[in-house]
Amino acid sequence: MKLNRRRSNIEIIADMLRLGEAGKTEIMYSANMSYFQLQKYLKFMLDQKLIDEVHLGNPSVSYRVTGKGSNLLKSIDTVQQILDSVDGDSS
C-alpha cells in the first residue's frame, strides 16, 4: 500500500474523468482537490477537449467527458493495470 504519496497529474485527470458528468463542487470533492487545482485542471481538460461544458441554466454548468476523454481514461487504466501487475510480480 502506498501511503503519503502525492497523486500525479495523470491520476488526478483520471479521477475527474471517472465521474462522467458532474458540477464543480462534486468534481472538487470527489477528486479531493482545492478550488485552485480544480480551475487549473478544468481549463486544461477543456482546452484538450477531454470534457465539455453542459449549460444547465444560468449560472449552473456541468462538465461531461467527451469521447476523447473516455479514450484517454481507458488508456490510463490499461497502463495502470500493467504497472500494478509489474509491482505485484516483484513482491
N, C-alpha and C. Protein backbone atom coordinates (compact mmCIF):
# COMPACT_ATOMS: atom_id res chain seq x y z
N MET A 1 0.85 -1.18 0.00
CA MET A 1 0.00 0.00 0.00
C MET A 1 0.89 1.24 0.00
N LYS A 2 0.55 2.21 -0.85
CA LYS A 2 1.34 3.43 -0.96
C LYS A 2 0.71 4.52 -0.10
N LEU A 3 1.40 4.92 0.94
CA LEU A 3 0.91 5.97 1.83
C LEU A 3 1.74 7.23 1.66
N ASN A 4 1.14 8.37 1.99
CA ASN A 4 1.84 9.65 1.94
C ASN A 4 2.46 9.92 0.57
N ARG A 5 1.77 9.56 -0.46
CA ARG A 5 2.26 9.78 -1.81
C ARG A 5 1.31 10.75 -2.51
N ARG A 6 1.87 11.77 -3.10
CA ARG A 6 1.04 12.72 -3.85
C ARG A 6 0.62 12.09 -5.16
N ARG A 7 -0.59 12.41 -5.57
CA ARG A 7 -1.08 11.89 -6.84
C ARG A 7 -0.42 12.63 -7.99
N SER A 8 -0.22 11.92 -9.08
CA SER A 8 0.32 12.55 -10.28
C SER A 8 -0.80 13.29 -11.02
N ASN A 9 -0.41 14.13 -11.95
CA ASN A 9 -1.39 14.83 -12.78
C ASN A 9 -2.29 13.82 -13.50
N ILE A 10 -1.70 12.73 -13.95
CA ILE A 10 -2.47 11.72 -14.68
C ILE A 10 -3.52 11.10 -13.78
N GLU A 11 -3.16 10.81 -12.54
CA GLU A 11 -4.12 10.21 -11.60
C GLU A 11 -5.27 11.17 -11.30
N ILE A 12 -4.96 12.45 -11.17
CA ILE A 12 -6.00 13.45 -10.91
C ILE A 12 -6.94 13.56 -12.10
N ILE A 13 -6.37 13.62 -13.30
CA ILE A 13 -7.20 13.70 -14.51
C ILE A 13 -8.08 12.45 -14.62
N ALA A 14 -7.52 11.28 -14.35
CA ALA A 14 -8.31 10.04 -14.41
C ALA A 14 -9.44 10.08 -13.39
N ASP A 15 -9.17 10.55 -12.18
CA ASP A 15 -10.22 10.65 -11.16
C ASP A 15 -11.34 11.57 -11.64
N MET A 16 -10.99 12.66 -12.28
CA MET A 16 -12.00 13.59 -12.79
C MET A 16 -12.80 12.96 -13.93
N LEU A 17 -12.12 12.26 -14.83
CA LEU A 17 -12.80 11.64 -15.96
C LEU A 17 -13.74 10.52 -15.53
N ARG A 18 -13.41 9.84 -14.46
CA ARG A 18 -14.24 8.72 -13.98
C ARG A 18 -15.62 9.19 -13.53
N LEU A 19 -15.77 10.46 -13.23
CA LEU A 19 -17.07 10.98 -12.77
C LEU A 19 -18.10 11.02 -13.89
N GLY A 20 -17.67 11.03 -15.13
CA GLY A 20 -18.61 11.06 -16.25
C GLY A 20 -19.17 12.44 -16.48
N GLU A 21 -20.10 12.85 -15.65
CA GLU A 21 -20.64 14.21 -15.72
C GLU A 21 -20.89 14.69 -14.30
N ALA A 22 -20.41 15.91 -14.02
CA ALA A 22 -20.55 16.45 -12.67
C ALA A 22 -20.32 17.95 -12.69
N GLY A 23 -20.79 18.60 -11.65
CA GLY A 23 -20.55 20.03 -11.46
C GLY A 23 -19.23 20.24 -10.73
N LYS A 24 -18.84 21.51 -10.61
CA LYS A 24 -17.56 21.83 -9.98
C LYS A 24 -17.43 21.30 -8.57
N THR A 25 -18.46 21.48 -7.76
CA THR A 25 -18.38 21.05 -6.36
C THR A 25 -18.20 19.55 -6.26
N GLU A 26 -18.97 18.79 -7.02
CA GLU A 26 -18.85 17.33 -6.99
C GLU A 26 -17.46 16.89 -7.45
N ILE A 27 -16.95 17.51 -8.51
CA ILE A 27 -15.61 17.17 -9.01
C ILE A 27 -14.57 17.46 -7.93
N MET A 28 -14.67 18.65 -7.34
CA MET A 28 -13.70 19.08 -6.34
C MET A 28 -13.65 18.11 -5.17
N TYR A 29 -14.80 17.71 -4.65
CA TYR A 29 -14.83 16.80 -3.51
C TYR A 29 -14.48 15.37 -3.90
N SER A 30 -15.01 14.89 -5.01
CA SER A 30 -14.76 13.51 -5.43
C SER A 30 -13.29 13.28 -5.79
N ALA A 31 -12.68 14.28 -6.43
CA ALA A 31 -11.28 14.16 -6.83
C ALA A 31 -10.34 14.67 -5.74
N ASN A 32 -10.91 15.11 -4.61
CA ASN A 32 -10.13 15.56 -3.46
C ASN A 32 -9.10 16.62 -3.84
N MET A 33 -9.60 17.77 -4.31
CA MET A 33 -8.71 18.83 -4.76
C MET A 33 -9.21 20.19 -4.30
N SER A 34 -8.32 21.16 -4.33
CA SER A 34 -8.68 22.53 -3.96
C SER A 34 -9.38 23.21 -5.13
N TYR A 35 -10.02 24.34 -4.84
CA TYR A 35 -10.69 25.08 -5.90
C TYR A 35 -9.68 25.57 -6.94
N PHE A 36 -8.50 25.99 -6.48
CA PHE A 36 -7.44 26.44 -7.40
C PHE A 36 -7.04 25.31 -8.34
N GLN A 37 -6.82 24.11 -7.79
CA GLN A 37 -6.46 22.95 -8.62
C GLN A 37 -7.58 22.64 -9.60
N LEU A 38 -8.81 22.69 -9.12
CA LEU A 38 -9.97 22.40 -9.97
C LEU A 38 -9.98 23.32 -11.19
N GLN A 39 -9.80 24.61 -10.96
CA GLN A 39 -9.82 25.58 -12.06
C GLN A 39 -8.72 25.25 -13.09
N LYS A 40 -7.53 24.93 -12.58
CA LYS A 40 -6.39 24.62 -13.46
C LYS A 40 -6.69 23.38 -14.31
N TYR A 41 -7.19 22.33 -13.67
CA TYR A 41 -7.45 21.08 -14.39
C TYR A 41 -8.63 21.21 -15.35
N LEU A 42 -9.69 21.92 -14.94
CA LEU A 42 -10.83 22.11 -15.84
C LEU A 42 -10.40 22.86 -17.10
N LYS A 43 -9.60 23.89 -16.94
CA LYS A 43 -9.13 24.65 -18.11
C LYS A 43 -8.32 23.76 -19.04
N PHE A 44 -7.39 23.00 -18.47
CA PHE A 44 -6.57 22.10 -19.27
C PHE A 44 -7.44 21.08 -20.01
N MET A 45 -8.37 20.48 -19.30
CA MET A 45 -9.19 19.42 -19.89
C MET A 45 -10.16 19.97 -20.94
N LEU A 46 -10.66 21.18 -20.72
CA LEU A 46 -11.50 21.82 -21.75
C LEU A 46 -10.67 22.16 -22.98
N ASP A 47 -9.47 22.72 -22.76
CA ASP A 47 -8.59 23.07 -23.88
C ASP A 47 -8.22 21.84 -24.72
N GLN A 48 -8.05 20.70 -24.04
CA GLN A 48 -7.68 19.45 -24.73
C GLN A 48 -8.88 18.68 -25.26
N LYS A 49 -10.08 19.23 -25.02
CA LYS A 49 -11.34 18.61 -25.45
C LYS A 49 -11.56 17.22 -24.83
N LEU A 50 -11.11 17.08 -23.57
CA LEU A 50 -11.35 15.85 -22.82
C LEU A 50 -12.70 15.89 -22.13
N ILE A 51 -13.21 17.11 -21.90
CA ILE A 51 -14.53 17.34 -21.30
C ILE A 51 -15.21 18.48 -22.05
N ASP A 52 -16.51 18.54 -21.94
CA ASP A 52 -17.33 19.63 -22.50
C ASP A 52 -18.10 20.27 -21.36
N GLU A 53 -18.42 21.55 -21.53
CA GLU A 53 -19.32 22.23 -20.59
C GLU A 53 -20.75 21.94 -21.01
N VAL A 54 -21.58 21.63 -20.05
CA VAL A 54 -23.00 21.43 -20.29
C VAL A 54 -23.73 22.52 -19.50
N HIS A 55 -24.39 23.42 -20.21
CA HIS A 55 -25.08 24.53 -19.55
C HIS A 55 -26.48 24.09 -19.16
N LEU A 56 -26.70 24.01 -17.85
CA LEU A 56 -27.97 23.53 -17.32
C LEU A 56 -28.92 24.69 -17.01
N GLY A 57 -28.47 25.88 -17.25
CA GLY A 57 -29.24 27.08 -16.91
C GLY A 57 -28.30 28.06 -16.23
N ASN A 58 -28.63 29.32 -16.28
CA ASN A 58 -27.75 30.34 -15.73
C ASN A 58 -27.82 30.34 -14.20
N PRO A 59 -26.75 30.21 -13.46
CA PRO A 59 -25.35 30.03 -13.90
C PRO A 59 -24.88 28.58 -13.81
N SER A 60 -25.79 27.64 -13.74
CA SER A 60 -25.43 26.24 -13.50
C SER A 60 -24.75 25.59 -14.70
N VAL A 61 -23.54 25.06 -14.46
CA VAL A 61 -22.76 24.40 -15.51
C VAL A 61 -22.29 23.05 -14.97
N SER A 62 -22.34 22.06 -15.84
CA SER A 62 -21.82 20.74 -15.52
C SER A 62 -20.74 20.43 -16.54
N TYR A 63 -19.91 19.46 -16.23
CA TYR A 63 -18.83 19.06 -17.15
C TYR A 63 -18.99 17.59 -17.47
N ARG A 64 -18.93 17.28 -18.78
CA ARG A 64 -19.18 15.91 -19.25
C ARG A 64 -17.97 15.42 -20.04
N VAL A 65 -17.61 14.17 -19.84
CA VAL A 65 -16.48 13.56 -20.53
C VAL A 65 -16.83 13.40 -22.01
N THR A 66 -15.87 13.74 -22.87
CA THR A 66 -16.04 13.57 -24.32
C THR A 66 -15.53 12.18 -24.72
N GLY A 67 -15.72 11.84 -25.97
CA GLY A 67 -15.18 10.58 -26.48
C GLY A 67 -13.67 10.53 -26.33
N LYS A 68 -13.01 11.64 -26.60
CA LYS A 68 -11.56 11.72 -26.45
C LYS A 68 -11.16 11.49 -24.99
N GLY A 69 -11.94 12.04 -24.06
CA GLY A 69 -11.68 11.85 -22.64
C GLY A 69 -11.87 10.40 -22.23
N SER A 70 -12.91 9.76 -22.75
CA SER A 70 -13.16 8.34 -22.46
C SER A 70 -12.02 7.47 -22.96
N ASN A 71 -11.53 7.77 -24.15
CA ASN A 71 -10.41 7.01 -24.70
C ASN A 71 -9.15 7.19 -23.86
N LEU A 72 -8.92 8.41 -23.40
CA LEU A 72 -7.76 8.67 -22.55
C LEU A 72 -7.88 7.89 -21.24
N LEU A 73 -9.07 7.89 -20.64
CA LEU A 73 -9.26 7.17 -19.38
C LEU A 73 -9.01 5.67 -19.57
N LYS A 74 -9.47 5.09 -20.69
CA LYS A 74 -9.22 3.67 -20.96
C LYS A 74 -7.72 3.40 -21.07
N SER A 75 -7.01 4.31 -21.72
CA SER A 75 -5.55 4.15 -21.86
C SER A 75 -4.86 4.25 -20.51
N ILE A 76 -5.26 5.22 -19.70
CA ILE A 76 -4.68 5.38 -18.36
C ILE A 76 -4.92 4.12 -17.54
N ASP A 77 -6.15 3.59 -17.57
CA ASP A 77 -6.48 2.40 -16.81
C ASP A 77 -5.66 1.19 -17.28
N THR A 78 -5.45 1.08 -18.59
CA THR A 78 -4.65 -0.02 -19.13
C THR A 78 -3.21 0.06 -18.64
N VAL A 79 -2.63 1.25 -18.71
CA VAL A 79 -1.26 1.44 -18.23
C VAL A 79 -1.18 1.14 -16.73
N GLN A 80 -2.17 1.61 -15.96
CA GLN A 80 -2.16 1.38 -14.52
C GLN A 80 -2.23 -0.11 -14.20
N GLN A 81 -3.04 -0.86 -14.95
CA GLN A 81 -3.14 -2.31 -14.74
C GLN A 81 -1.80 -2.99 -15.02
N ILE A 82 -1.12 -2.55 -16.07
CA ILE A 82 0.18 -3.12 -16.40
C ILE A 82 1.18 -2.81 -15.30
N LEU A 83 1.21 -1.57 -14.84
CA LEU A 83 2.13 -1.19 -13.78
C LEU A 83 1.83 -1.93 -12.48
N ASP A 84 0.54 -2.10 -12.17
CA ASP A 84 0.16 -2.83 -10.96
C ASP A 84 0.59 -4.29 -11.04
N SER A 85 0.50 -4.89 -12.23
CA SER A 85 0.91 -6.30 -12.37
C SER A 85 2.43 -6.43 -12.24
N VAL A 86 3.16 -5.43 -12.69
CA VAL A 86 4.62 -5.45 -12.53
C VAL A 86 4.97 -5.31 -11.07
N ASP A 87 4.28 -4.39 -10.35
CA ASP A 87 4.50 -4.22 -8.91
C ASP A 87 4.19 -5.52 -8.18
N GLY A 88 3.16 -6.22 -8.60
CA GLY A 88 2.77 -7.47 -7.96
C GLY A 88 3.79 -8.58 -8.20
N ASP A 89 4.46 -8.56 -9.35
CA ASP A 89 5.46 -9.57 -9.68
C ASP A 89 6.71 -9.45 -8.83
N SER A 90 7.03 -8.22 -8.40
CA SER A 90 8.28 -8.00 -7.67
C SER A 90 8.17 -8.29 -6.19
N SER A 91 6.98 -8.58 -5.68
CA SER A 91 6.85 -8.82 -4.23
C SER A 91 6.93 -10.27 -3.87
